[in-house]
Amino acid sequence: MGQKIGSEKISREDGYLYYVGKDGFVWAAPMKHNTKGKKKKVGKEKVQKESGWMYYVGKDGSVYKAKLKNA
C-alpha cells in the first residue's frame, strides 16, 4: 500500500507503539498495558515529511508513506 522511504531498520519491542513524530524521527511510546515503559526516540534517520502523506513503521521495521485520500 505504501512506498518504502529511508534505509534504516527499526527493531520493534512488544508493548510499544511506533510512529514518525513531528520532528521526522521514529519514536516508541508505551501502550497502556506497558506501565513501566517510557517514550523514547528509536531512529537515527530523519524523515522529510510532506503534507498529504501518512507516515508509519511497517512490520519489517522500515518507514513507509501512504497518500491520504482527502488531503
Protein backbone atom coordinates (compact mmCIF):
# COMPACT_ATOMS: atom_id res chain seq x y z
CA MET A 1 0.00 0.00 0.00
CA GLY A 2 2.74 2.49 0.89
CA GLN A 3 6.09 3.48 -0.52
CA LYS A 4 9.20 2.50 1.40
CA ILE A 5 11.33 5.50 2.34
CA GLY A 6 14.67 5.57 4.07
CA SER A 7 17.09 2.71 4.64
CA GLU A 8 17.04 2.32 8.44
CA LYS A 9 15.50 -0.79 10.03
CA ILE A 10 13.79 -0.29 13.41
CA SER A 11 13.87 -3.25 15.79
CA ARG A 12 10.46 -3.44 17.44
CA GLU A 13 9.72 -4.39 21.06
CA ASP A 14 6.46 -5.73 22.43
CA GLY A 15 4.35 -3.22 24.36
CA TYR A 16 5.32 -0.14 22.29
CA LEU A 17 3.58 1.86 19.58
CA TYR A 18 5.90 3.15 16.85
CA TYR A 19 5.29 6.35 14.89
CA VAL A 20 7.06 9.12 12.97
CA GLY A 21 6.94 12.29 15.07
CA LYS A 22 6.63 15.93 14.01
CA ASP A 23 10.42 16.21 14.14
CA GLY A 24 10.80 13.47 11.49
CA PHE A 25 12.34 10.83 13.78
CA VAL A 26 10.81 7.46 14.73
CA TRP A 27 9.51 7.32 18.32
CA ALA A 28 8.32 4.47 20.54
CA ALA A 29 5.55 5.17 23.05
CA PRO A 30 4.46 2.60 25.64
CA MET A 31 1.00 1.09 25.23
CA LYS A 32 -1.48 1.23 28.11
CA HIS A 33 -0.62 -2.26 29.39
CA ASN A 34 3.12 -1.40 29.41
CA THR A 35 3.19 0.56 32.67
CA LYS A 36 7.00 0.58 33.12
CA GLY A 37 7.88 1.80 29.63
CA LYS A 38 8.91 5.34 28.73
CA LYS A 39 8.63 7.28 25.47
CA LYS A 40 11.91 7.18 23.55
CA LYS A 41 13.43 8.11 20.20
CA VAL A 42 14.49 4.91 18.41
CA GLY A 43 15.52 6.05 14.93
CA LYS A 44 18.62 7.98 13.86
CA GLU A 45 17.45 8.72 10.32
CA LYS A 46 15.32 11.86 9.87
CA VAL A 47 12.33 11.64 7.50
CA GLN A 48 11.42 14.74 5.49
CA LYS A 49 7.62 14.82 5.89
CA GLU A 50 5.30 16.16 3.18
CA SER A 51 1.74 17.42 3.50
CA GLY A 52 -0.95 14.95 2.36
CA TRP A 53 1.01 11.82 3.31
CA MET A 54 0.72 9.44 6.29
CA TYR A 55 3.96 8.00 7.70
CA TYR A 56 4.23 4.71 9.58
CA VAL A 57 6.64 1.94 10.59
CA GLY A 58 5.91 -1.34 8.82
CA LYS A 59 6.19 -4.88 10.19
CA ASP A 60 9.67 -5.21 8.69
CA GLY A 61 10.88 -2.13 10.62
CA SER A 62 11.12 0.22 7.63
CA VAL A 63 9.40 3.60 7.38
CA TYR A 64 6.64 3.88 4.76
CA LYS A 65 4.46 6.67 3.44
CA ALA A 66 0.93 6.43 2.00
CA LYS A 67 -1.11 9.09 0.22
CA LEU A 68 -4.12 10.36 2.19
CA LYS A 69 -7.38 10.21 0.22
CA ASN A 70 -8.89 13.56 1.25
CA ALA A 71 -5.76 15.64 1.54
